[in-house]
Protein backbone atom coordinates (compact mmCIF):
# COMPACT_ATOMS: atom_id res chain seq x y z
CA UNK A 1 4.65 -1.25 30.16
CA UNK A 2 2.91 -4.41 28.95
CA UNK A 3 -0.01 -4.15 26.51
CA UNK A 4 -2.48 -6.32 24.69
CA UNK A 5 -3.35 -4.73 21.35
CA UNK A 6 -6.26 -5.54 19.05
CA UNK A 7 -6.74 -3.96 15.64
CA UNK A 8 -9.65 -4.50 13.26
CA UNK A 9 -9.78 -3.00 9.77
CA UNK A 10 -12.97 -3.50 7.74
CA UNK A 11 -13.48 -2.59 4.08
CA UNK A 12 -16.76 -2.65 2.13
CA UNK A 13 -16.60 -2.55 -1.68
CA UNK A 14 -19.41 -0.96 -3.67
CA UNK A 15 -19.08 -3.77 -6.20
CA UNK A 16 -17.60 -7.20 -5.76
CA UNK A 17 -13.82 -7.26 -6.20
CA UNK A 18 -12.83 -9.98 -8.67
CA UNK A 19 -9.22 -10.01 -7.43
CA UNK A 20 -6.81 -8.05 -5.28
CA UNK A 21 -3.24 -7.74 -4.08
CA UNK A 22 -2.29 -5.87 -0.89
CA UNK A 23 0.69 -5.06 1.32
CA UNK A 24 -0.29 -4.81 4.99
CA UNK A 25 1.80 -3.01 7.63
CA UNK A 26 0.02 -3.30 10.98
CA UNK A 27 2.26 -5.60 13.05
CA UNK A 28 4.26 -4.04 15.91
CA UNK A 29 7.95 -4.85 15.74
CA UNK A 30 10.66 -5.58 18.26
CA UNK A 31 12.99 -2.59 18.61
CA UNK A 32 16.14 -2.84 20.75
CA UNK A 33 15.86 -0.78 23.94
CA UNK A 34 12.36 0.40 22.95
CA UNK A 35 9.85 -2.46 22.75
CA UNK A 36 9.61 -6.23 22.53
CA UNK A 37 6.84 -8.19 20.81
CA UNK A 38 6.00 -11.21 22.98
CA UNK A 39 3.32 -12.69 20.71
CA UNK A 40 1.36 -11.58 17.66
CA UNK A 41 -1.05 -12.84 15.02
CA UNK A 42 -2.57 -11.49 11.83
CA UNK A 43 -5.61 -12.93 10.02
CA UNK A 44 -7.73 -12.02 7.02
CA UNK A 45 -11.35 -12.69 6.09
CA UNK A 46 -11.77 -13.96 3.46
CA UNK A 47 -8.62 -16.05 3.64
CA UNK A 48 -6.19 -15.02 0.90
CA UNK A 49 -5.13 -17.33 -1.93
CA UNK A 50 -1.49 -16.41 -1.32
CA UNK A 51 0.29 -14.97 1.68
CA UNK A 52 3.92 -14.13 2.36
CA UNK A 53 5.92 -11.95 4.75
CA UNK A 54 8.95 -9.77 4.15
CA UNK A 55 10.90 -6.88 5.70
CA UNK A 56 10.93 -3.66 3.68
CA UNK A 57 13.82 -1.23 3.24
CA UNK A 58 13.01 0.65 6.45
CA UNK A 59 12.89 -2.63 8.45
CA UNK A 60 9.10 -2.69 8.71
CA UNK A 61 7.23 -6.00 8.78
CA UNK A 62 5.02 -6.41 5.68
CA UNK A 63 2.44 -9.12 4.92
CA UNK A 64 1.63 -9.55 1.23
CA UNK A 65 -1.76 -11.11 0.35
CA UNK A 66 -3.35 -12.05 -2.97
CA UNK A 67 -7.03 -12.70 -3.79
CA UNK A 68 -8.23 -14.42 -6.95
CA UNK A 69 -11.89 -15.05 -6.06
CA UNK A 70 -14.67 -12.44 -5.90
CA UNK A 71 -15.24 -10.81 -2.50
CA UNK A 72 -17.31 -7.85 -1.31
CA UNK A 73 -15.57 -7.14 1.99
CA UNK A 74 -12.15 -7.48 3.59
CA UNK A 75 -11.44 -7.79 7.31
CA UNK A 76 -7.96 -7.49 8.81
CA UNK A 77 -7.52 -8.62 12.42
CA UNK A 78 -4.27 -8.17 14.34
CA UNK A 79 -3.55 -9.06 17.96
CA UNK A 80 -0.28 -8.59 19.80
CA UNK A 81 1.24 -8.51 23.25
CA UNK A 82 3.98 -5.90 23.46
CA UNK A 83 6.29 -4.75 26.25
CA UNK A 84 7.35 -1.10 25.82
CA UNK A 85 10.45 -0.04 27.72
CA UNK A 86 11.72 3.25 26.32
CA UNK A 87 14.87 4.52 28.02
CA UNK A 88 14.49 7.56 30.29
CA UNK A 89 15.20 11.02 28.90
CA UNK A 90 18.92 11.73 29.14
CA UNK A 91 20.94 14.94 29.04
CA UNK A 92 20.76 16.92 25.81
CA UNK A 93 23.93 15.98 23.93
CA UNK A 94 22.85 17.25 20.52
CA UNK A 95 24.85 19.92 18.64
CA UNK A 96 23.59 23.23 17.34
CA UNK A 97 22.25 23.36 13.77
CA UNK A 98 25.67 24.15 12.26
CA UNK A 99 27.24 21.27 14.17
CA UNK A 100 24.45 18.94 13.00
CA UNK A 101 25.21 19.71 9.36
CA UNK A 102 28.85 18.78 9.91
CA UNK A 103 27.84 15.54 11.63
CA UNK A 104 25.48 14.61 8.79
CA UNK A 105 28.30 15.09 6.28
CA UNK A 106 30.48 12.77 8.33
CA UNK A 107 27.96 9.89 8.10
CA UNK A 108 29.02 7.66 5.21
CA UNK A 109 26.40 4.94 5.76
CA UNK A 110 23.37 4.68 3.49
CA UNK A 111 21.68 2.01 5.63
CA UNK A 112 17.96 2.38 6.26
CA UNK A 113 18.53 4.31 9.49
CA UNK A 114 21.05 6.77 8.01
CA UNK A 115 19.98 10.43 8.24
CA UNK A 116 20.51 11.04 4.50
CA UNK A 117 17.24 9.28 3.58
CA UNK A 118 15.22 11.74 5.67
CA UNK A 119 16.42 15.13 4.41
CA UNK A 120 14.69 15.46 1.04
CA UNK A 121 11.06 16.10 0.12
CA UNK A 122 8.73 13.10 0.07
CA UNK A 123 5.20 12.52 -1.18
CA UNK A 124 3.35 13.91 1.85
CA UNK A 125 6.12 16.02 3.42
CA UNK A 126 7.62 18.22 0.71
CA UNK A 127 10.01 20.98 1.75
CA UNK A 128 8.09 24.25 1.46
CA UNK A 129 9.43 27.80 2.02
CA UNK A 130 6.50 28.87 4.19
CA UNK A 131 6.70 25.79 6.40
CA UNK A 132 10.48 26.22 6.63
CA UNK A 133 10.05 29.84 7.71
CA UNK A 134 7.54 28.75 10.34
CA UNK A 135 9.93 26.07 11.63
CA UNK A 136 12.89 28.47 11.63
CA UNK A 137 11.28 30.47 14.43
CA UNK A 138 12.17 27.57 16.72
CA UNK A 139 15.88 28.22 16.07
CA UNK A 140 15.74 31.76 17.44
CA UNK A 141 15.10 30.85 21.07
CA UNK A 142 16.95 27.52 21.32
CA UNK A 143 20.59 26.44 21.39
CA UNK A 144 20.61 22.77 20.41
CA UNK A 145 18.90 20.69 17.75
CA UNK A 146 16.92 18.77 20.36
CA UNK A 147 15.66 22.01 21.88
CA UNK A 148 14.63 23.29 18.44
CA UNK A 149 12.76 20.08 17.59
CA UNK A 150 11.00 20.11 20.95
CA UNK A 151 10.02 23.76 20.49
CA UNK A 152 8.55 23.09 17.03
CA UNK A 153 6.68 20.13 18.51
CA UNK A 154 5.19 22.47 21.13
CA UNK A 155 4.29 25.20 18.64
CA UNK A 156 2.46 22.90 16.24
CA UNK A 157 0.42 21.59 19.16
CA UNK A 158 -0.45 25.17 20.16
CA UNK A 159 -1.04 26.63 16.69
CA UNK A 160 -2.97 23.82 14.99
CA UNK A 161 -6.49 22.63 15.77
CA UNK A 162 -7.24 18.93 16.03
CA UNK A 163 -10.14 18.37 13.63
CA UNK A 164 -10.87 14.95 12.19
CA UNK A 165 -13.17 16.42 9.53
CA UNK A 166 -10.69 18.99 8.18
CA UNK A 167 -8.44 16.57 6.27
CA UNK A 168 -8.30 13.05 4.90
CA UNK A 169 -5.64 10.41 4.33
CA UNK A 170 -4.51 12.14 1.09
CA UNK A 171 -3.82 15.54 2.69
CA UNK A 172 -0.19 16.66 2.42
CA UNK A 173 1.88 18.90 4.68
CA UNK A 174 1.26 22.12 2.73
CA UNK A 175 -2.51 21.62 2.69
CA UNK A 176 -2.58 20.92 6.44
CA UNK A 177 -0.31 23.91 7.08
CA UNK A 178 -2.70 26.23 5.22
CA UNK A 179 -5.66 24.87 7.17
CA UNK A 180 -3.83 24.97 10.53
CA UNK A 181 -5.96 21.93 11.34
CA UNK A 182 -6.00 18.18 10.95
CA UNK A 183 -5.11 15.00 12.80
CA UNK A 184 -1.94 13.27 13.98
CA UNK A 185 -0.89 12.35 10.44
CA UNK A 186 -1.15 15.98 9.34
CA UNK A 187 0.66 17.43 12.35
CA UNK A 188 3.46 14.92 11.82
CA UNK A 189 3.81 15.76 8.13
CA UNK A 190 3.98 19.50 8.85
CA UNK A 191 6.65 18.94 11.50
CA UNK A 192 8.65 16.64 9.22
CA UNK A 193 8.54 19.13 6.34
CA UNK A 194 9.59 21.95 8.66
CA UNK A 195 12.52 20.05 10.13
CA UNK A 196 13.78 18.95 6.71
CA UNK A 197 13.63 22.55 5.55
CA UNK A 198 16.02 23.40 8.39
CA UNK A 199 18.35 20.54 7.46
CA UNK A 200 17.26 18.31 10.35
CA UNK A 201 16.59 14.69 9.23
CA UNK A 202 13.02 13.75 10.14
CA UNK A 203 10.79 10.74 9.56
CA UNK A 204 7.29 9.42 10.22
CA UNK A 205 6.38 6.83 12.85
CA UNK A 206 3.12 4.86 12.77
CA UNK A 207 1.79 2.94 15.73
CA UNK A 208 -0.67 2.98 18.57
CA UNK A 209 -1.19 5.31 21.52
CA UNK A 210 -2.81 4.27 24.74
CA UNK A 211 -5.46 6.79 25.73
CA UNK A 212 -5.96 7.40 29.43
CA UNK A 213 -9.59 7.99 30.52
CA UNK A 214 -10.55 10.98 32.61
CA UNK A 215 -10.55 10.49 36.40
CA UNK A 216 -13.54 8.46 37.50
CA UNK A 217 -14.29 7.25 33.96
CA UNK A 218 -13.87 3.69 32.72
CA UNK A 219 -11.68 2.98 29.72
CA UNK A 220 -13.82 2.48 26.60
CA UNK A 221 -12.96 -0.43 24.34
CA UNK A 222 -12.35 0.69 20.78
CA UNK A 223 -11.58 4.25 21.90
CA UNK A 224 -7.93 3.99 20.98
CA UNK A 225 -6.78 4.58 17.40
CA UNK A 226 -3.81 4.19 15.16
CA UNK A 227 -1.46 7.09 15.76
CA UNK A 228 1.44 8.92 14.12
CA UNK A 229 4.36 10.90 15.45
CA UNK A 230 7.82 12.15 14.38
CA UNK A 231 11.41 10.96 14.71
CA UNK A 232 14.28 13.39 14.27
CA UNK A 233 18.00 12.68 13.97
CA UNK A 234 19.59 14.98 16.53
CA UNK A 235 23.25 14.12 15.96
CA UNK A 236 25.68 11.25 16.41
CA UNK A 237 25.43 11.18 20.20
CA UNK A 238 21.70 11.84 20.58
CA UNK A 239 20.65 9.70 17.59
CA UNK A 240 16.97 9.39 16.66
CA UNK A 241 14.55 11.01 19.12
CA UNK A 242 10.77 10.78 18.84
CA UNK A 243 8.22 13.55 19.40
CA UNK A 244 4.41 13.65 19.31
CA UNK A 245 3.15 17.06 18.10
CA UNK A 246 -0.48 16.03 18.52
CA UNK A 247 0.04 15.80 22.27
CA UNK A 248 3.09 18.06 22.78
CA UNK A 249 5.26 15.36 24.28
CA UNK A 250 8.19 13.10 23.65
CA UNK A 251 7.24 9.55 22.73
CA UNK A 252 6.61 7.60 25.94
CA UNK A 253 5.84 4.06 27.03
CA UNK A 254 2.27 4.71 25.85
CA UNK A 255 3.52 4.87 22.23
CA UNK A 256 3.73 1.46 20.54
CA UNK A 257 5.56 1.43 17.21
CA UNK A 258 4.45 -0.37 14.05
CA UNK A 259 6.95 1.10 11.62
CA UNK A 260 8.96 4.06 10.40
CA UNK A 261 9.45 5.74 7.04
CA UNK A 262 9.80 9.06 5.26
CA UNK A 263 6.06 9.79 5.51
CA UNK A 264 2.69 8.04 5.59
CA UNK A 265 3.22 6.51 2.14
CA UNK A 266 6.01 4.29 3.51
CA UNK A 267 3.99 2.89 6.41
CA UNK A 268 0.31 3.04 5.42
CA UNK A 269 -1.62 0.17 7.08
CA UNK A 270 -2.75 -1.33 3.78
CA UNK A 271 -1.96 -0.49 0.17
CA UNK A 272 -2.64 -2.41 -3.01
CA UNK A 273 -4.80 -2.88 -6.07
CA UNK A 274 -8.31 -4.26 -6.66
CA UNK A 275 -10.02 -5.53 -9.80
CA UNK A 276 -13.33 -3.78 -9.29
CA UNK A 277 -15.22 -0.55 -9.92
CA UNK A 278 -16.93 1.95 -7.67
CA UNK A 279 -15.97 3.23 -4.24
CA UNK A 280 -15.01 1.55 -0.98
CA UNK A 281 -15.52 2.39 2.68
CA UNK A 282 -13.19 1.54 5.53
CA UNK A 283 -13.60 1.37 9.30
CA UNK A 284 -11.00 1.02 12.03
CA UNK A 285 -11.17 -0.22 15.61
CA UNK A 286 -8.23 -0.37 18.02
CA UNK A 287 -7.92 -1.52 21.63
CA UNK A 288 -4.72 -0.85 23.57
CA UNK A 289 -5.13 -2.60 26.92
CA UNK A 290 -2.48 -2.15 29.64
CA UNK A 291 -1.69 -5.29 31.64
CA UNK A 292 0.27 -3.66 34.45
């Protein structure tokens, strides 16, 4: 599926920022057998004094910008054309949970994609006994790791309420679990924490999701949003599989990936420091436009 994607991030500062330094992760990336970036651009207003690009540990594209002059706002504009071509769902070749533990022990690599990096607690997805107990219910009625992950994906969708006012960007997995409410970021963190508690390597995926309008309704520009879902390592043969607990589905050709990490902290759209005082407000607008 071919898409044009437009992202606009706008920040208003209560008081003029005398200087700033930011790392920006909003560019889709080319992933073998998943998606290909045909063209992309990223611009900032005001124009930064310094700008450089690098690839972080988890292979995400990062743009580093530096400001030295006072500014009261910051606008980030990204455009990209991306072709998503996820392979079709194959037979379940994952082991059971005991077999997965043996396979993890047999992996000697510590490369960015190795399962070992995704087993321990992280900032937003700490292993918690109550979340682990909740996740463990998915082992009782399933045989393979993939079946268990898919069942937990389904249960979170059924048991949690989507509520954009219930949480904010700082909410962690335990807080969202207690509320049984939140948004895609929260559902993903709960699922990641639960899987890690079971010994299943799990990570966070940030990106975009094309929303499909109701029959007879026109697609609304700006109605799409940045999205988050989960990747789980289901064994040597199955590898990394991606699931979307917000929508109770496996990641499809409507899911466009920006980056992957242990949780939101590794792939937040923009992070940095400002020389200022007071609060700031941010707004987001995303268009995901299919071309086929």
